[in-house]
Each structure stands twice: as structure tokens, then as C-alpha cells.
Protein backbone atom coordinates (compact mmCIF):
# COMPACT_ATOMS: atom_id res chain seq x y z
CA MET A 1 18.45 18.14 27.84
CA THR A 2 15.52 18.60 25.46
CA GLN A 3 12.97 21.21 26.47
CA GLU A 4 9.49 19.71 26.87
CA ILE A 5 6.86 21.30 24.69
CA ILE A 6 3.10 21.34 24.59
CA PRO A 7 2.27 18.74 21.92
CA PRO A 8 0.98 20.35 18.71
CA ALA A 9 -2.20 18.22 18.76
CA THR A 10 -2.95 19.45 22.29
CA LEU A 11 -2.51 23.09 21.25
CA LEU A 12 -4.65 22.72 18.14
CA GLU A 13 -7.43 20.94 20.04
CA ALA A 14 -7.37 23.58 22.78
CA TYR A 15 -7.57 26.49 20.30
CA SER A 16 -10.42 24.81 18.44
CA GLN A 17 -12.33 24.81 21.75
CA GLY A 18 -11.53 28.44 22.62
CA ILE A 19 -8.72 27.65 25.07
CA PHE A 20 -5.14 28.98 24.96
CA PRO A 21 -2.05 28.62 27.20
CA MET A 22 0.19 31.16 28.90
CA ALA A 23 3.25 30.62 31.06
CA GLU A 24 2.92 31.95 34.59
CA GLU A 25 5.59 31.53 37.25
CA GLY A 26 7.14 28.47 35.62
CA ARG A 27 3.94 26.62 34.80
CA ILE A 28 1.47 26.55 31.91
CA VAL A 29 -1.99 27.96 32.67
CA TRP A 30 -4.92 27.48 30.26
CA TYR A 31 -7.48 30.26 29.61
CA SER A 32 -10.93 30.59 28.09
CA PRO A 33 -12.15 34.12 28.96
CA GLN A 34 -15.83 34.85 29.62
CA LEU A 35 -15.52 37.78 27.19
CA ARG A 36 -13.49 37.14 24.07
CA GLY A 37 -11.88 39.81 21.91
CA ILE A 38 -12.08 39.62 18.14
CA ILE A 39 -11.33 41.96 15.26
CA PRO A 40 -14.14 41.70 12.71
CA LEU A 41 -12.86 41.02 9.20
CA ASP A 42 -15.73 42.90 7.57
CA GLU A 43 -16.33 46.64 7.17
CA ARG A 44 -16.13 47.11 10.96
CA PHE A 45 -12.34 46.77 10.76
CA HIS A 46 -11.04 50.32 11.05
CA ILE A 47 -7.61 51.78 10.33
CA PRO A 48 -7.06 54.90 12.50
CA CYS A 49 -6.46 58.10 10.47
CA GLY A 50 -2.86 58.63 11.62
CA LEU A 51 -1.95 55.06 10.69
CA ARG A 52 -3.74 55.39 7.35
CA ARG A 53 -1.45 58.36 6.54
CA LYS A 54 1.63 56.41 7.61
CA LEU A 55 0.61 53.44 5.44
CA ARG A 56 0.76 55.65 2.34
CA LYS A 57 4.51 56.05 2.98
CA ASN A 58 4.91 52.65 4.63
CA PRO A 59 8.44 52.72 6.06
CA PHE A 60 8.51 48.94 6.41
CA GLU A 61 8.73 45.91 4.17
CA VAL A 62 6.06 43.49 5.39
CA ARG A 63 7.02 39.81 5.30
CA PHE A 64 5.28 36.64 6.38
CA ASN A 65 7.04 33.72 8.09
CA THR A 66 10.66 34.70 7.48
CA SER A 67 11.65 34.99 11.17
CA PHE A 68 9.01 33.33 13.31
CA ARG A 69 11.28 32.67 16.30
CA GLU A 70 12.66 36.22 16.21
CA VAL A 71 9.11 37.61 16.27
CA MET A 72 8.27 35.49 19.29
CA LEU A 73 11.44 36.67 21.02
CA GLY A 74 10.50 40.27 20.24
CA CYS A 75 7.07 39.68 21.77
CA ALA A 76 8.69 38.15 24.87
CA ASP A 77 11.11 41.06 25.32
CA ARG A 78 9.17 42.99 27.97
CA ASN A 79 9.16 43.32 31.74
CA GLU A 80 6.42 40.73 32.21
CA THR A 81 5.81 38.01 29.65
CA TRP A 82 3.81 34.82 29.30
CA ILE A 83 6.26 33.53 26.68
CA ASP A 84 8.74 31.20 28.35
CA GLU A 85 10.91 28.49 26.76
CA VAL A 86 8.04 25.97 26.74
CA ILE A 87 5.71 28.42 24.95
CA LEU A 88 8.49 29.49 22.56
CA GLU A 89 9.42 25.95 21.53
CA SER A 90 5.78 24.79 21.38
CA TYR A 91 4.79 27.54 18.95
CA CYS A 92 7.95 27.18 16.89
CA LYS A 93 6.98 23.50 16.46
CA LEU A 94 3.47 24.60 15.40
CA HIS A 95 5.10 26.97 12.92
CA ASP A 96 7.22 24.13 11.52
CA LEU A 97 3.97 22.19 10.98
CA GLY A 98 2.29 25.13 9.20
CA HIS A 99 -0.12 26.06 12.01
CA ALA A 100 1.59 29.21 13.34
CA VAL A 101 2.36 32.35 11.37
CA SER A 102 4.41 35.50 11.83
CA VAL A 103 3.86 38.86 10.18
CA GLU A 104 6.99 41.01 10.25
CA CYS A 105 7.89 44.64 9.56
CA TRP A 106 11.45 45.12 8.35
CA ASP A 107 13.55 48.13 7.44
CA GLN A 108 17.23 48.62 6.60
CA GLU A 109 18.07 48.19 10.30
CA GLY A 110 16.30 44.83 10.67
CA LEU A 111 13.11 43.50 12.23
CA GLN A 112 11.19 46.41 13.78
CA GLY A 113 7.96 44.75 14.83
CA GLY A 114 5.38 42.15 14.09
CA LEU A 115 2.94 39.63 15.44
CA TYR A 116 2.35 35.91 15.54
CA GLY A 117 -0.58 33.58 15.93
CA VAL A 118 -2.11 30.18 15.24
CA LEU A 119 -4.02 29.05 12.13
CA ILE A 120 -6.79 26.46 12.18
CA GLY A 121 -9.22 26.24 9.30
CA LYS A 122 -10.40 29.78 8.56
CA ALA A 123 -9.53 31.08 12.03
CA PHE A 124 -6.46 33.08 13.07
CA PHE A 125 -5.75 33.22 16.80
CA GLY A 126 -3.56 36.23 17.49
CA GLU A 127 -1.05 35.62 20.27
CA SER A 128 1.17 38.66 20.65
CA MET A 129 2.66 41.66 18.89
CA PHE A 130 5.62 43.99 19.42
CA SER A 131 7.17 47.16 18.04
CA ARG A 132 10.71 48.45 18.13
CA LYS A 133 9.74 51.41 15.93
CA ASP A 134 6.50 53.39 15.89
CA ASP A 135 3.53 51.63 14.34
CA ALA A 136 5.41 48.50 13.23
CA SER A 137 3.02 46.12 14.99
CA LYS A 138 0.02 48.12 13.77
CA ILE A 139 1.22 47.89 10.16
CA ALA A 140 1.72 44.13 10.66
CA LEU A 141 -1.88 43.88 11.91
CA VAL A 142 -3.22 45.73 8.85
CA ALA A 143 -1.22 43.38 6.57
CA LEU A 144 -2.59 40.37 8.46
CA VAL A 145 -6.19 41.54 8.11
CA ASP A 146 -5.65 42.13 4.39
CA ARG A 147 -4.26 38.57 3.98
CA LEU A 148 -7.06 37.03 6.05
CA ARG A 149 -9.72 38.86 4.03
CA LYS A 150 -8.18 37.77 0.72
CA ASN A 151 -8.25 34.17 1.96
CA GLU A 152 -11.84 34.49 3.20
CA PHE A 153 -11.10 33.88 6.88
CA HIS A 154 -14.02 33.95 9.30
CA LEU A 155 -12.27 34.85 12.56
CA LEU A 156 -9.44 36.98 13.93
CA ASP A 157 -9.29 36.18 17.64
CA THR A 158 -7.41 38.59 19.93
CA GLN A 159 -8.04 36.70 23.19
CA TRP A 160 -8.79 39.78 25.33
CA MET A 161 -9.87 43.25 24.24
CA THR A 162 -7.73 46.35 24.76
CA ASP A 163 -8.24 50.01 23.89
CA HIS A 164 -5.54 49.55 21.24
CA LEU A 165 -7.51 46.75 19.55
CA ARG A 166 -10.79 48.68 19.91
CA SER A 167 -9.22 51.46 17.83
CA PHE A 168 -9.16 48.94 14.94
CA GLY A 169 -12.82 48.01 15.44
CA GLY A 170 -12.20 45.21 17.91
CA ILE A 171 -15.21 43.96 19.86
CA GLU A 172 -15.94 41.57 22.69
CA LEU A 173 -18.17 38.53 22.42
CA SER A 174 -19.61 36.36 25.15
CA ARG A 175 -17.93 32.97 25.44
CA GLU A 176 -21.11 31.36 24.09
CA SER A 177 -21.18 33.57 20.96
CA TYR A 178 -17.45 33.12 20.47
CA LEU A 179 -17.67 29.32 20.68
CA LYS A 180 -20.41 29.30 18.01
CA MET A 181 -18.24 31.48 15.78
CA ILE A 182 -15.12 29.40 16.31
CA GLN A 183 -16.89 26.13 15.55
CA ASP A 184 -17.72 27.37 12.07
CA ALA A 185 -14.29 28.90 11.45
CA VAL A 186 -12.10 25.97 12.52
CA SER A 187 -14.14 23.43 10.58
CA SER A 188 -13.69 25.36 7.32
CA VAL A 189 -11.00 24.18 4.95
CA PHE A 190 -7.85 26.33 5.01
């Protein structure tokens, strides 16, 4: 039996309006938080000192899009997850269509961490990250920000704000401010 997925057009339309899905207790729930987390792509982005030192000796090879499904499975491998089979297959389909990206940290023992998210225009919507070894997801985030800056992206959405994301300069915006920002970013040519 084929697993039903969220149609790619539905996902892309939802993201372009500031809405994203999560699986909860066997059903898909859609969210658009009143306060939205973002990581500014300007000089406000901050690499914590300890991570800056680790980056000089970077123990990982950073890759993009070589193991998208494996990154999603790594993100889902926790006690509580919003990534069920529907979410997994839906985002893998988006990846196949070029609208979802993974950033991966590898070493001689394999995939040690990374993150994935959705691309629309000049906006990147971060979905989840994981680490099997210290700082792997953080190094993936730094590599992502570098790539987004080089490609003149306007937005790095984190959905909600956490202390971890604040340590990188993450901020919260009102839904109204976020929706104005997203409108500009998703309408830009990728």
C-alpha cells in the first residue's frame, strides 16, 4: 500500500503563507505561530566562541543533499518526534523536486549530524536538526548560513525560537512582521 503524502503544491503554498505541518498522534496539524523565530542572515548572525574554535579544526566534512532521507531519519530519532511516515515521504518528495535541502556533517564513521529544510524563492524554512557527535548540527547550521548568504537569501526561518538558536543571533518576530518578510523572500527568484 502506498503511503499518502502531503502534496508538494500544498506544502509549498502553506510555507509561502507562513504555515507548516507537524505530525501529532497520527494526524497532521498545521501551525502558524504568533511569534516566529528567524536567524538573521546579516551581521547579527553570531557563531559562539567555542564553536568558532572548533570550526578552525572542523572534524566534519560538510555535504549538501547527499543523504536527505537519512538526515530526516536522524532528526526523527528521538523520544518525541513530529516526523512520521507521512512527513518523511512528503519532504522526500519535495527534495526530489528540488524544494527541500539537507546539510550533513560526515566523518570516517558516517553521518554525524545535520539539518533539513524547505526552499522557496530566497527563503529557507528550517525544519529540524540532529547531532550524533558534539556540534555536528551547529556546524551544519554555520555551513547553511554561509551558503544562504552567498546566494543572497532574505530569510532563514526557524519556526520557534530556542535558547540554542538565540546563541546564534536568532530573534523572534510578530506574525505580522514575519508575513511581510516572507512575502518578499518567497517571491524572489531562486
